[in-house]
Amino acid sequence: MIVTWEDKYTQDVIALWNKEAVKDAYKELDDESFRHIFTDNAYWDELNTFVLLDQTHVVGFACGCTGDDLPIGDKAGYITCIVLADGYQTEANYADLLQALEGRFQERGKKQGDVLFFNPMMLPWYIPNTPKHEHNNAPGVPVDSKLYAYLLGAGYVERAKECAMYLNLDNFVMPEESVAKERKAAVEGYTVALFDAEKHQGVHDMLQGFDNPLWQKEIGAATANGVPVVIAAHHGKVVGFAGPVIKQANGRGYFAGIGVHPDHEGHGLGSILFYKLCEAFQAIGTPYMSLYTGSTNPAIRIYEKAGFTTVKQFSVMRREF
């Protein structure tokens, strides 16, 4: 029997998660983290959260969310998770929980179901073969999971594969090739360093060159509030960025992204920015970095030259109703 959410199921769902979801490398939950990810989230919807019961025993949990203000949220519902207990991971049970989620999406006027990076209910996971180094969000369905195989069979189309990449910063050294690029760029009037409001200007204009409101908000706020950001400048005018440079409580080097204004591409600034970002994290004692990139993104070469390795893959998926 499938029922919609009631708080009385919290402890049983946490126990289910800590037995089954962790098999796909998701981080364990406790009361605080469950509230943070799910029930205290601005997009939490009890009617879009389902529990599968065997008699009174919780054997399944599914959660999704919607929001017209989310990216493609005007037409898409986001699938956050579907977790089933061992012995209940049948096609029929997956189908029933998925149908419940999709039914709620359609009640809210959505035309498709998506599993993607923009989901505001962020699920942290552990990086394999590390001392529980973690990434703060999963951008899709783990490709080695049973849910991935089920969604493919249920008509969900794989739109991209995201490679999760990891670097232990202890032994990072900027590649000599990029050292040479930096010297050449300097001759052309470019510098790459931490943003300094007394030396650099034009952050707003640089950010307007990207179709990315998240960068505009986060990088704009960081440079305004003194949070370190690595920037590329041409005679003092900011033309690219990497950052912000934030060491998270779990030790991970957090950053929002890297960008070079289209008018200043072709000078090797992207790779220089990234490697300088790695150095900036080293300087503040950050143990590791992790990031996502598409499996066909040429930038993967930059990350690999820095020493990053692909440790897990996630699938971005969609089905139109």
Protein backbone atom coordinates (compact mmCIF):
# COMPACT_ATOMS: atom_id res chain seq x y z
CA MET A 1 0.00 0.00 0.00
CA ILE A 2 1.27 3.48 -0.92
CA VAL A 3 0.43 6.42 1.34
CA THR A 4 1.40 10.07 1.28
CA TRP A 5 3.75 11.49 3.86
CA GLU A 6 3.11 11.73 7.59
CA ASP A 7 5.76 12.66 10.13
CA LYS A 8 5.25 9.36 11.95
CA TYR A 9 7.19 7.63 9.14
CA THR A 10 10.36 9.68 9.67
CA GLN A 11 12.39 7.24 11.75
CA ASP A 12 11.48 4.25 9.62
CA VAL A 13 12.39 6.10 6.42
CA ILE A 14 15.73 7.15 7.91
CA ALA A 15 16.40 3.52 8.84
CA LEU A 16 15.46 2.40 5.33
CA TRP A 17 17.75 5.02 3.81
CA ASN A 18 20.66 4.05 6.04
CA LYS A 19 20.31 0.41 5.03
CA GLU A 20 19.55 0.71 1.30
CA ALA A 21 20.40 4.15 -0.14
CA VAL A 22 23.89 3.95 1.32
CA LYS A 23 24.55 1.00 -1.00
CA ASP A 24 24.59 3.55 -3.84
CA ALA A 25 27.10 5.66 -1.81
CA TYR A 26 24.56 8.17 -0.52
CA LYS A 27 25.46 9.65 2.87
CA GLU A 28 23.64 8.38 5.95
CA LEU A 29 20.74 10.41 7.29
CA ASP A 30 19.86 11.45 10.83
CA ASP A 31 17.00 13.58 12.12
CA GLU A 32 18.79 16.84 11.39
CA SER A 33 19.96 15.99 7.88
CA PHE A 34 16.58 14.49 6.97
CA ARG A 35 14.88 17.73 7.94
CA HIS A 36 17.51 19.80 6.12
CA ILE A 37 17.23 17.87 2.85
CA PHE A 38 13.54 17.08 2.90
CA THR A 39 10.95 18.45 5.33
CA ASP A 40 12.53 21.88 5.92
CA ASN A 41 13.22 22.38 2.22
CA ALA A 42 11.26 25.23 0.63
CA TYR A 43 10.08 22.82 -2.10
CA TRP A 44 8.95 20.03 0.24
CA ASP A 45 5.48 18.77 -0.62
CA GLU A 46 3.83 16.11 1.55
CA LEU A 47 1.60 15.20 -1.39
CA ASN A 48 4.68 14.54 -3.51
CA THR A 49 6.29 12.28 -0.92
CA PHE A 50 5.22 8.64 -0.70
CA VAL A 51 5.77 5.67 1.59
CA LEU A 52 5.30 2.05 0.54
CA LEU A 53 3.98 -0.13 3.35
CA ASP A 54 3.90 -3.87 3.83
CA GLN A 55 1.18 -4.02 6.45
CA THR A 56 2.55 -1.29 8.77
CA HIS A 57 6.23 -1.81 7.88
CA VAL A 58 7.94 0.85 5.73
CA VAL A 59 9.55 -0.80 2.70
CA GLY A 60 9.74 2.08 0.23
CA PHE A 61 10.20 5.84 0.05
CA ALA A 62 9.84 8.19 -2.90
CA CYS A 63 10.10 11.96 -3.04
CA GLY A 64 9.79 14.56 -5.76
CA CYS A 65 9.36 18.29 -5.95
CA THR A 66 8.03 21.02 -8.20
CA GLY A 67 8.41 24.77 -8.46
CA ASP A 68 7.66 27.18 -11.27
CA ASP A 69 10.70 29.23 -10.25
CA LEU A 70 13.08 26.27 -10.71
CA PRO A 71 14.98 25.80 -13.98
CA ILE A 72 12.44 24.30 -16.45
CA GLY A 73 10.15 24.12 -13.41
CA ASP A 74 7.27 25.55 -15.40
CA LYS A 75 6.93 22.20 -17.19
CA ALA A 76 8.99 19.67 -15.23
CA GLY A 77 8.66 17.81 -11.96
CA TYR A 78 11.90 16.71 -10.31
CA ILE A 79 12.38 13.15 -9.07
CA THR A 80 14.55 13.26 -5.94
CA CYS A 81 14.71 9.60 -4.95
CA ILE A 82 13.03 6.20 -4.97
CA VAL A 83 14.35 3.80 -2.32
CA LEU A 84 13.13 0.26 -1.75
CA ALA A 85 14.04 -2.30 0.89
CA ASP A 86 15.90 -5.46 -0.01
CA GLY A 87 13.36 -8.02 -1.18
CA TYR A 88 10.96 -5.32 -2.39
CA GLN A 89 13.04 -3.96 -5.28
CA THR A 90 10.64 -5.29 -7.88
CA GLU A 91 9.60 -3.68 -11.12
CA ALA A 92 6.03 -3.47 -9.80
CA ASN A 93 7.07 -1.55 -6.67
CA TYR A 94 9.30 0.83 -8.62
CA ALA A 95 6.43 1.36 -11.06
CA ASP A 96 3.91 2.10 -8.30
CA LEU A 97 6.13 4.68 -6.61
CA LEU A 98 7.11 6.29 -9.92
CA GLN A 99 3.47 6.48 -10.96
CA ALA A 100 2.65 8.19 -7.66
CA LEU A 101 5.34 10.81 -8.26
CA GLU A 102 4.35 11.40 -11.86
CA GLY A 103 0.69 11.62 -10.91
CA ARG A 104 1.47 14.44 -8.49
CA PHE A 105 3.59 16.18 -11.13
CA GLN A 106 0.66 16.08 -13.53
CA GLU A 107 -1.70 17.38 -10.84
CA ARG A 108 0.63 20.36 -10.63
CA GLY A 109 0.40 20.87 -14.40
CA LYS A 110 3.80 19.43 -15.31
CA LYS A 111 4.46 17.79 -18.66
CA GLN A 112 7.57 15.77 -17.87
CA GLY A 113 9.58 14.11 -15.14
CA ASP A 114 13.27 14.96 -14.78
CA VAL A 115 16.22 13.72 -12.75
CA LEU A 116 18.85 16.43 -12.93
CA PHE A 117 21.35 18.70 -11.19
CA PHE A 118 18.93 21.54 -10.48
CA ASN A 119 16.90 19.59 -7.92
CA PRO A 120 16.92 21.75 -4.77
CA MET A 121 16.72 18.64 -2.57
CA MET A 122 20.44 17.91 -2.68
CA LEU A 123 21.56 14.40 -1.77
CA PRO A 124 25.16 14.18 -0.47
CA TRP A 125 27.19 11.08 -1.27
CA TYR A 126 30.55 9.58 -0.37
CA ILE A 127 33.40 9.46 -2.88
CA PRO A 128 34.52 5.82 -3.25
CA ASN A 129 37.87 4.73 -1.80
CA THR A 130 38.30 7.84 0.35
CA PRO A 131 38.00 8.44 4.12
CA LYS A 132 34.34 9.47 3.66
CA HIS A 133 35.14 12.49 1.55
CA GLU A 134 31.78 13.67 0.31
CA HIS A 135 30.13 15.67 -2.44
CA ASN A 136 27.16 17.82 -1.53
CA ASN A 137 24.82 16.83 -4.35
CA ALA A 138 24.07 14.11 -6.87
CA PRO A 139 23.28 15.48 -10.35
CA GLY A 140 21.22 12.50 -11.47
CA VAL A 141 20.77 8.77 -10.98
CA PRO A 142 23.89 6.67 -10.26
CA VAL A 143 24.43 4.58 -13.39
CA ASP A 144 25.30 1.53 -11.30
CA SER A 145 22.00 1.67 -9.39
CA LYS A 146 18.87 -0.44 -9.76
CA LEU A 147 16.81 2.74 -10.13
CA TYR A 148 18.80 3.73 -13.22
CA ALA A 149 18.10 0.40 -14.89
CA TYR A 150 14.43 0.65 -14.00
CA LEU A 151 14.00 4.22 -15.30
CA LEU A 152 15.60 3.27 -18.63
CA GLY A 153 13.10 0.45 -18.98
CA ALA A 154 10.23 2.74 -17.97
CA GLY A 155 10.84 5.11 -20.86
CA TYR A 156 13.15 7.65 -19.29
CA VAL A 157 15.68 8.92 -21.82
CA GLU A 158 19.27 9.50 -20.83
CA ARG A 159 20.06 13.07 -21.82
CA ALA A 160 23.63 13.17 -20.50
CA LYS A 161 26.12 11.36 -18.32
CA GLU A 162 27.77 13.43 -15.62
CA CYS A 163 31.24 12.33 -14.51
CA ALA A 164 31.98 12.88 -10.84
CA MET A 165 35.69 13.73 -10.60
CA TYR A 166 37.91 13.83 -7.53
CA LEU A 167 41.33 15.19 -6.60
CA ASN A 168 43.33 14.79 -3.40
CA LEU A 169 45.06 18.18 -3.21
CA ASP A 170 48.11 17.02 -1.26
CA ASN A 171 50.21 16.45 -4.36
CA PHE A 172 48.73 18.99 -6.78
CA VAL A 173 51.24 20.92 -8.87
CA MET A 174 50.26 23.29 -11.66
CA PRO A 175 51.15 21.62 -15.00
CA GLU A 176 54.21 23.14 -16.68
CA GLU A 177 52.16 23.61 -19.84
CA SER A 178 49.86 25.99 -17.98
CA VAL A 179 52.78 27.80 -16.36
CA ALA A 180 53.97 28.56 -19.87
CA LYS A 181 50.45 29.65 -20.88
CA GLU A 182 50.33 32.01 -17.91
CA ARG A 183 53.62 33.64 -18.95
CA LYS A 184 52.34 34.09 -22.50
CA ALA A 185 49.03 35.52 -21.28
CA ALA A 186 50.93 38.00 -19.10
CA VAL A 187 52.70 39.34 -22.19
CA GLU A 188 49.24 39.92 -23.68
CA GLY A 189 48.16 41.94 -20.64
CA TYR A 190 46.37 39.20 -18.68
CA THR A 191 46.80 38.40 -15.01
CA VAL A 192 45.22 35.64 -12.91
CA ALA A 193 44.99 36.21 -9.17
CA LEU A 194 42.56 36.54 -6.28
CA PHE A 195 40.08 39.37 -6.81
CA ASP A 196 41.14 42.66 -5.22
CA ALA A 197 38.56 45.45 -5.30
CA GLU A 198 41.34 48.07 -5.29
CA LYS A 199 43.00 46.59 -8.39
CA HIS A 200 40.20 45.03 -10.39
CA GLN A 201 36.92 46.28 -11.82
CA GLY A 202 34.19 45.12 -14.19
CA VAL A 203 32.87 42.04 -12.38
CA HIS A 204 29.27 42.87 -13.26
CA ASP A 205 30.04 43.31 -16.95
CA MET A 206 32.01 40.05 -17.01
CA LEU A 207 29.17 38.09 -15.40
CA GLN A 208 26.65 39.51 -17.85
CA GLY A 209 28.59 37.72 -20.57
CA PHE A 210 27.32 34.36 -19.27
CA ASP A 211 23.78 33.05 -19.49
CA ASN A 212 23.98 31.83 -15.92
CA PRO A 213 21.95 33.66 -13.26
CA LEU A 214 23.42 31.46 -10.51
CA TRP A 215 26.93 32.64 -11.35
CA GLN A 216 25.74 36.23 -11.56
CA LYS A 217 24.24 35.99 -8.09
CA GLU A 218 26.91 33.95 -6.30
CA ILE A 219 30.09 35.37 -7.83
CA GLY A 220 28.70 38.89 -7.70
CA ALA A 221 27.94 38.50 -3.99
CA ALA A 222 31.32 36.87 -3.26
CA THR A 223 33.36 39.67 -4.83
CA ALA A 224 31.17 42.29 -3.16
CA ASN A 225 31.50 40.68 0.27
CA GLY A 226 35.18 39.80 0.30
CA VAL A 227 34.83 36.05 -0.28
CA PRO A 228 37.93 34.94 -2.26
CA VAL A 229 37.43 34.45 -6.00
CA VAL A 230 40.16 33.72 -8.53
CA ILE A 231 39.81 36.10 -11.47
CA ALA A 232 41.43 36.72 -14.81
CA ALA A 233 41.89 40.39 -15.65
CA HIS A 234 42.97 42.22 -18.78
CA HIS A 235 44.75 45.42 -17.78
CA GLY A 236 42.72 45.38 -14.55
CA LYS A 237 39.32 44.63 -16.08
CA VAL A 238 37.85 41.31 -14.93
CA VAL A 239 37.26 38.94 -17.85
CA GLY A 240 36.97 35.54 -16.15
CA PHE A 241 36.58 33.83 -12.80
CA ALA A 242 36.95 30.57 -10.87
CA GLY A 243 35.41 30.11 -7.46
CA PRO A 244 34.43 31.21 -4.94
CA VAL A 245 37.23 29.68 -2.88
CA ILE A 246 35.34 28.13 0.02
CA LYS A 247 36.49 25.22 2.18
CA GLN A 248 33.35 23.44 3.34
CA ALA A 249 32.93 22.00 6.83
CA ASN A 250 33.44 18.49 5.43
CA GLY A 251 36.82 19.55 3.98
CA ARG A 252 35.73 19.75 0.35
CA GLY A 253 36.75 22.65 -1.82
CA TYR A 254 33.45 24.18 -2.92
CA PHE A 255 33.22 26.35 -6.01
CA ALA A 256 30.35 27.46 -8.22
CA GLY A 257 32.15 27.27 -11.54
CA ILE A 258 34.65 28.69 -14.00
CA GLY A 259 34.00 31.06 -16.86
CA VAL A 260 35.86 33.23 -19.36
CA HIS A 261 34.04 36.07 -21.10
CA PRO A 262 33.51 35.18 -24.79
CA ASP A 263 35.47 38.25 -25.88
CA HIS A 264 38.59 36.90 -24.16
CA GLU A 265 38.58 33.23 -25.09
CA GLY A 266 41.52 31.68 -26.89
CA HIS A 267 44.25 32.72 -24.45
CA GLY A 268 44.26 29.60 -22.27
CA LEU A 269 42.63 31.45 -19.41
CA GLY A 270 40.18 28.67 -18.54
CA SER A 271 42.88 26.16 -17.64
CA ILE A 272 45.00 28.80 -15.88
CA LEU A 273 42.01 29.87 -13.78
CA PHE A 274 41.24 26.30 -12.81
CA TYR A 275 44.78 25.46 -11.75
CA LYS A 276 45.09 28.71 -9.81
CA LEU A 277 41.85 27.75 -8.08
CA CYS A 278 43.44 24.44 -7.05
CA GLU A 279 46.41 26.37 -5.65
CA ALA A 280 44.08 28.72 -3.78
CA PHE A 281 42.40 25.75 -2.11
CA GLN A 282 45.78 24.28 -1.22
CA ALA A 283 46.74 27.59 0.39
CA ILE A 284 43.81 27.42 2.83
CA GLY A 285 44.43 23.77 3.74
CA THR A 286 41.64 22.15 1.71
CA PRO A 287 42.12 18.35 1.57
CA TYR A 288 40.24 17.63 -1.65
CA MET A 289 38.11 18.86 -4.52
CA SER A 290 35.29 17.20 -6.41
CA LEU A 291 33.27 18.33 -9.40
CA TYR A 292 31.00 17.22 -12.20
CA THR A 293 31.49 17.48 -15.91
CA GLY A 294 29.72 15.98 -18.89
CA SER A 295 31.37 12.87 -20.29
CA THR A 296 31.75 14.63 -23.66
CA ASN A 297 32.85 18.01 -22.28
CA PRO A 298 36.33 18.92 -23.59
CA ALA A 299 37.07 20.50 -20.18
CA ILE A 300 37.49 16.99 -18.82
CA ARG A 301 41.05 17.11 -20.25
CA ILE A 302 41.85 20.13 -18.05
CA TYR A 303 40.67 18.29 -14.96
CA GLU A 304 42.56 15.13 -15.85
CA LYS A 305 45.79 17.09 -16.33
CA ALA A 306 45.32 18.45 -12.82
CA GLY A 307 45.14 14.88 -11.52
CA PHE A 308 41.37 14.48 -11.23
CA THR A 309 39.96 11.02 -11.83
CA THR A 310 36.39 9.97 -12.59
CA VAL A 311 35.06 8.15 -9.51
CA LYS A 312 31.36 7.78 -10.32
CA GLN A 313 28.87 8.52 -13.11
CA PHE A 314 25.35 9.88 -12.87
CA SER A 315 22.65 9.95 -15.53
CA VAL A 316 20.50 12.98 -16.31
CA MET A 317 17.12 11.58 -17.39
CA ARG A 318 13.71 12.68 -18.64
CA ARG A 319 10.35 11.28 -19.66
CA GLU A 320 7.60 13.34 -21.27
CA PHE A 321 4.11 12.44 -20.11
